[in-house]
Protein backbone atom coordinates (compact mmCIF):
# COMPACT_ATOMS: atom_id res chain seq x y z
CA UNK A 1 -13.76 -5.07 -30.19
CA UNK A 2 -12.74 -8.15 -32.13
CA UNK A 3 -9.38 -8.17 -30.35
CA UNK A 4 -10.85 -7.47 -26.90
CA UNK A 5 -13.32 -10.38 -27.17
CA UNK A 6 -10.49 -12.83 -27.75
CA UNK A 7 -9.15 -14.66 -24.73
CA UNK A 8 -5.56 -14.37 -25.92
CA UNK A 9 -4.81 -12.18 -28.89
CA UNK A 10 -1.60 -12.75 -30.81
CA UNK A 11 1.20 -10.21 -30.71
CA UNK A 12 0.70 -9.15 -34.32
CA UNK A 13 -3.05 -8.64 -33.93
CA UNK A 14 -2.50 -6.69 -30.73
CA UNK A 15 0.00 -4.37 -32.43
CA UNK A 16 -2.36 -3.93 -35.36
CA UNK A 17 -5.22 -2.97 -33.04
CA UNK A 18 -3.01 -0.53 -31.12
CA UNK A 19 -1.82 1.04 -34.37
CA UNK A 20 -5.44 1.63 -35.46
CA UNK A 21 -6.38 3.17 -32.12
CA UNK A 22 -3.36 5.45 -32.20
CA UNK A 23 -4.42 6.55 -35.69
CA UNK A 24 -7.93 7.37 -34.47
CA UNK A 25 -6.67 9.41 -31.53
CA UNK A 26 -4.09 11.20 -33.71
CA UNK A 27 -6.86 12.17 -36.13
CA UNK A 28 -9.11 13.48 -33.34
CA UNK A 29 -6.32 15.47 -31.70
CA UNK A 30 -5.50 17.00 -35.09
CA UNK A 31 -9.12 18.08 -35.51
CA UNK A 32 -9.08 19.64 -32.04
CA UNK A 33 -5.94 21.58 -32.90
CA UNK A 34 -7.53 22.91 -36.09
CA UNK A 35 -10.64 24.00 -34.22
CA UNK A 36 -8.56 25.57 -31.45
CA UNK A 37 -6.81 27.84 -33.97
CA UNK A 38 -10.22 29.19 -35.04
CA UNK A 39 -12.33 29.42 -31.85
CA UNK A 40 -9.77 28.73 -29.12
CA UNK A 41 -10.14 26.48 -26.11
CA UNK A 42 -12.18 28.87 -23.94
CA UNK A 43 -15.39 27.02 -24.78
CA UNK A 44 -14.09 23.92 -23.01
CA UNK A 45 -14.88 23.38 -19.36
CA UNK A 46 -12.14 22.89 -16.81
CA UNK A 47 -12.76 19.13 -16.72
CA UNK A 48 -12.77 18.86 -20.53
CA UNK A 49 -9.52 20.81 -20.83
CA UNK A 50 -7.89 18.62 -18.17
CA UNK A 51 -9.05 15.43 -19.91
CA UNK A 52 -7.69 16.70 -23.22
CA UNK A 53 -4.25 17.27 -21.68
CA UNK A 54 -4.29 13.81 -20.07
CA UNK A 55 -5.38 12.12 -23.30
CA UNK A 56 -2.60 13.91 -25.20
CA UNK A 57 -0.04 12.59 -22.71
CA UNK A 58 -1.50 9.07 -22.88
CA UNK A 59 -1.27 9.20 -26.67
CA UNK A 60 2.38 10.30 -26.48
CA UNK A 61 3.26 7.49 -24.07
CA UNK A 62 1.44 4.79 -26.04
CA UNK A 63 2.94 5.94 -29.33
CA UNK A 64 6.43 5.91 -27.83
CA UNK A 65 5.96 2.40 -26.43
CA UNK A 66 4.54 1.23 -29.78
CA UNK A 67 7.51 2.56 -31.71
CA UNK A 68 10.08 1.18 -29.27
CA UNK A 69 8.17 -2.13 -28.90
CA UNK A 70 8.30 -1.79 -25.13
CA UNK A 71 5.62 -2.22 -22.47
CA UNK A 72 7.21 -0.20 -19.69
CA UNK A 73 7.49 3.52 -19.10
CA UNK A 74 8.07 5.64 -16.02
CA UNK A 75 5.02 7.68 -15.09
CA UNK A 76 2.71 5.61 -17.27
CA UNK A 77 -0.91 6.82 -17.11
CA UNK A 78 -3.58 4.12 -16.92
CA UNK A 79 -6.63 6.21 -15.97
CA UNK A 80 -7.88 9.44 -17.53
CA UNK A 81 -9.94 10.45 -14.48
CA UNK A 82 -7.09 9.55 -12.09
CA UNK A 83 -3.80 10.18 -13.93
CA UNK A 84 -1.79 9.86 -10.69
CA UNK A 85 -2.47 6.09 -10.45
CA UNK A 86 0.35 3.81 -11.60
CA UNK A 87 0.36 0.05 -12.31
CA UNK A 88 2.12 -1.98 -9.62
CA UNK A 89 3.26 -5.47 -10.61
CA UNK A 90 2.74 -7.77 -7.61
CA UNK A 91 2.77 -11.21 -9.22
CA UNK A 92 -0.18 -12.51 -7.19
CA UNK A 93 -2.39 -15.27 -8.51
CA UNK A 94 -5.40 -13.78 -10.25
CA UNK A 95 -4.21 -10.18 -9.87
CA UNK A 96 -0.66 -9.90 -11.19
CA UNK A 97 -1.01 -6.11 -11.49
CA UNK A 98 -2.58 -3.84 -8.87
CA UNK A 99 -3.54 -0.18 -9.03
CA UNK A 100 -3.56 2.15 -6.06
CA UNK A 101 -1.53 3.71 -3.31
CA UNK A 102 1.44 2.03 -1.64
CA UNK A 103 1.67 2.64 2.10
CA UNK A 104 4.62 2.02 4.39
CA UNK A 105 3.27 1.86 7.92
CA UNK A 106 4.50 0.75 11.33
CA UNK A 107 2.47 -1.12 13.92
CA UNK A 108 3.67 -0.11 17.40
CA UNK A 109 1.81 -1.75 20.28
CA UNK A 110 -1.32 -2.05 18.14
CA UNK A 111 -1.27 1.56 16.87
CA UNK A 112 -0.70 2.29 13.18
CA UNK A 113 1.64 5.03 11.96
CA UNK A 114 1.77 6.01 8.28
CA UNK A 115 5.40 6.66 7.37
CA UNK A 116 5.07 6.96 3.60
CA UNK A 117 2.33 7.19 0.97
CA UNK A 118 3.20 6.96 -2.72
CA UNK A 119 1.30 6.34 -5.94
CA UNK A 120 4.48 5.27 -7.73
CA UNK A 121 5.81 1.72 -7.35
CA UNK A 122 8.93 1.44 -5.20
CA UNK A 123 10.92 -1.12 -3.27
CA UNK A 124 9.74 -1.26 0.33
CA UNK A 125 13.14 -2.31 1.65
CA UNK A 126 14.41 1.25 1.28
CA UNK A 127 11.95 2.49 3.90
CA UNK A 128 13.30 0.51 6.86
CA UNK A 129 15.93 3.08 7.83
CA UNK A 130 13.44 5.93 7.44
CA UNK A 131 10.83 4.18 9.56
CA UNK A 132 13.35 3.35 12.28
CA UNK A 133 14.47 6.99 12.36
CA UNK A 134 10.86 8.12 12.68
CA UNK A 135 10.44 5.72 15.60
CA UNK A 136 13.47 7.32 17.24
CA UNK A 137 12.00 10.76 16.60
CA UNK A 138 8.73 9.75 18.31
CA UNK A 139 10.14 7.89 21.33
CA UNK A 140 13.72 9.13 21.62
CA UNK A 141 15.33 5.68 21.18
CA UNK A 142 15.63 3.06 18.47
CA UNK A 143 13.31 0.05 18.67
CA UNK A 144 14.66 -3.08 20.32
CA UNK A 145 13.47 -5.24 17.41
CA UNK A 146 11.88 -4.78 14.00
CA UNK A 147 9.52 -7.45 12.70
CA UNK A 148 9.46 -7.04 8.92
CA UNK A 149 8.78 -9.05 5.80
CA UNK A 150 11.51 -10.86 3.93
CA UNK A 151 11.84 -8.04 1.38
CA UNK A 152 13.18 -5.78 4.16
CA UNK A 153 15.92 -8.21 5.18
CA UNK A 154 18.57 -6.98 2.78
CA UNK A 155 22.25 -7.06 3.67
CA UNK A 156 22.39 -3.27 4.01
CA UNK A 157 19.40 -3.21 6.35
CA UNK A 158 20.86 -6.05 8.42
CA UNK A 159 24.17 -4.21 8.80
CA UNK A 160 22.41 -0.95 9.66
CA UNK A 161 20.34 -2.62 12.38
CA UNK A 162 23.35 -4.50 13.74
CA UNK A 163 25.35 -1.28 14.14
CA UNK A 164 22.55 0.24 16.25
CA UNK A 165 21.75 -2.83 18.31
CA UNK A 166 18.38 -3.48 16.63
CA UNK A 167 17.32 -7.08 16.16
CA UNK A 168 15.80 -7.67 12.73
CA UNK A 169 13.33 -10.52 12.53
CA UNK A 170 14.01 -13.62 10.49
CA UNK A 171 16.78 -16.19 10.44
CA UNK A 172 20.33 -14.80 10.27
CA UNK A 173 22.52 -15.25 7.21
CA UNK A 174 24.90 -18.16 6.91
CA UNK A 175 24.68 -21.79 7.85
CA UNK A 176 22.58 -22.85 10.81
CA UNK A 177 24.51 -23.77 13.98
CA UNK A 178 25.43 -27.41 14.57
CA UNK A 179 24.14 -27.28 18.11
CA UNK A 180 20.60 -28.66 17.98
CA UNK A 181 19.49 -26.70 21.02
CA UNK A 182 20.70 -23.40 19.60
CA UNK A 183 19.20 -24.20 16.21
CA UNK A 184 15.87 -25.05 17.87
CA UNK A 185 15.88 -21.75 19.73
CA UNK A 186 16.56 -19.83 16.51
CA UNK A 187 13.66 -21.51 14.75
CA UNK A 188 11.41 -20.84 17.70
CA UNK A 189 12.37 -17.17 17.74
CA UNK A 190 11.86 -16.86 13.97
CA UNK A 191 8.45 -18.47 14.32
CA UNK A 192 7.49 -16.05 17.07
CA UNK A 193 8.66 -13.13 14.93
CA UNK A 194 6.36 -14.24 12.12
CA UNK A 195 3.46 -14.51 14.55
CA UNK A 196 4.15 -11.01 15.86
CA UNK A 197 4.25 -9.66 12.30
CA UNK A 198 0.71 -10.90 11.64
CA UNK A 199 -0.59 -7.85 13.51
CA UNK A 200 0.29 -5.41 10.73
CA UNK A 201 -1.11 -7.69 8.03
CA UNK A 202 -4.31 -8.14 10.01
CA UNK A 203 -4.61 -4.38 10.47
CA UNK A 204 -4.46 -3.80 6.72
CA UNK A 205 -7.02 -6.54 6.15
CA UNK A 206 -9.37 -5.06 8.73
CA UNK A 207 -8.91 -1.59 7.23
CA UNK A 208 -9.91 -2.90 3.80
CA UNK A 209 -12.88 -4.99 4.96
CA UNK A 210 -14.37 -2.85 7.72
CA UNK A 211 -13.21 0.68 6.92
CA UNK A 212 -13.36 0.47 3.07
CA UNK A 213 -9.69 1.23 2.50
CA UNK A 214 -9.77 -1.19 -0.43
CA UNK A 215 -12.58 0.81 -2.10
CA UNK A 216 -11.48 4.43 -2.09
CA UNK A 217 -14.12 6.47 -3.96
CA UNK A 218 -12.18 9.75 -4.05
CA UNK A 219 -10.66 10.89 -7.33
CA UNK A 220 -7.86 13.29 -6.40
CA UNK A 221 -4.57 12.12 -4.97
CA UNK A 222 -4.81 14.55 -2.04
CA UNK A 223 -8.33 13.49 -1.07
CA UNK A 224 -7.41 9.79 -1.29
CA UNK A 225 -4.41 10.34 0.98
CA UNK A 226 -6.62 12.26 3.42
CA UNK A 227 -9.15 9.41 3.43
CA UNK A 228 -6.44 6.84 4.20
CA UNK A 229 -5.12 9.04 7.03
CA UNK A 230 -8.63 9.39 8.47
CA UNK A 231 -9.13 5.62 8.36
CA UNK A 232 -5.89 5.09 10.28
CA UNK A 233 -6.93 7.77 12.77
CA UNK A 234 -10.29 6.09 13.39
CA UNK A 235 -8.60 2.70 13.87
CA UNK A 236 -6.19 4.19 16.42
CA UNK A 237 -9.09 5.86 18.26
CA UNK A 238 -10.86 2.50 18.34
CA UNK A 239 -7.72 0.97 19.85
CA UNK A 240 -7.61 3.70 22.50
CA UNK A 241 -11.26 3.07 23.33
CA UNK A 242 -10.61 -0.64 23.80
CA UNK A 243 -7.56 0.00 25.98
CA UNK A 244 -9.53 2.40 28.19
CA UNK A 245 -12.35 -0.13 28.37
CA UNK A 246 -10.02 -2.86 29.63
CA UNK A 247 -8.43 -0.49 32.13
CA UNK A 248 -11.89 0.39 33.42
CA UNK A 249 -12.80 -3.30 33.82
CA UNK A 250 -9.57 -4.07 35.67
CA UNK A 251 -10.09 -1.08 37.96
CA UNK A 252 -13.65 -2.17 38.70
CA UNK A 253 -12.51 -5.72 39.44
CA UNK A 254 -9.87 -4.47 41.84
CA UNK A 255 -12.41 -2.30 43.62
CA UNK A 256 -14.64 -5.42 43.88
CA UNK A 257 -17.61 -3.65 42.35
CA UNK A 258 -17.77 -6.34 39.67
CA UNK A 259 -17.40 -10.00 40.56
CA UNK A 260 -15.61 -12.54 38.39
CA UNK A 261 -18.94 -14.04 37.36
CA UNK A 262 -19.81 -10.78 35.56
CA UNK A 263 -16.44 -10.54 33.83
CA UNK A 264 -17.20 -12.81 30.82
CA UNK A 265 -20.39 -10.86 30.04
CA UNK A 266 -18.53 -7.58 29.87
CA UNK A 267 -15.77 -9.08 27.72
CA UNK A 268 -18.39 -10.41 25.36
CA UNK A 269 -19.56 -6.86 24.74
CA UNK A 270 -16.02 -5.76 24.04
CA UNK A 271 -15.44 -8.60 21.60
CA UNK A 272 -18.66 -7.81 19.76
CA UNK A 273 -17.57 -4.22 19.32
CA UNK A 274 -14.32 -5.46 17.81
């Protein structure tokens, strides 16, 4: 507690505190082993037995990192109740490390498709080829253009898209052209690509704020993945409802059953539902 209360504990004090905690856990696990040889582990509930296995693995990982003086380990457990969660270093201000599921999704004409869900940290740039192939599997052709973040614009992804006639968003590699008109058109196109990419970022923000994707209350990995899939399904159904609503309004306007003076009132209802 003395170390936790400090704003910034020194390296030596932190190692000393970790060494003491490892000693406490080692002592408790030794007592459990001695009791297990006498009465067995049948008296433990399923949850208690699972927690004991997770705590043993956490102790092994922490002891290994303490001995090697390292702070990284593949498959590091940070939660006893949710051992599938991994720390993801994002480098954001205020929250340099995040915990949760990483999702690779595609926004196609306003509809969200989940292409990959993973609890382990990974580089998103490796999913571009997979997502483009899934698009081809759904629609039979490759997309005409892919609007992606800068992390996706690797040299391999650029070459892969160029071979298949896919335009990848963002400025091309190399020096800008000397022609001012051509350079202006490139900047304008890059700006439009960034504006088009806002849709997927806005969809994630709306899913977190309105549909509680940022506050998943489920404990198991399978149930959390099912909850995320259900949220995406509900958002796509909401998009279908809006599209059908607009089609209905246009059809009514063409049949002259609704005048233009009523049109803003109906749109107001649609915007409120959004």
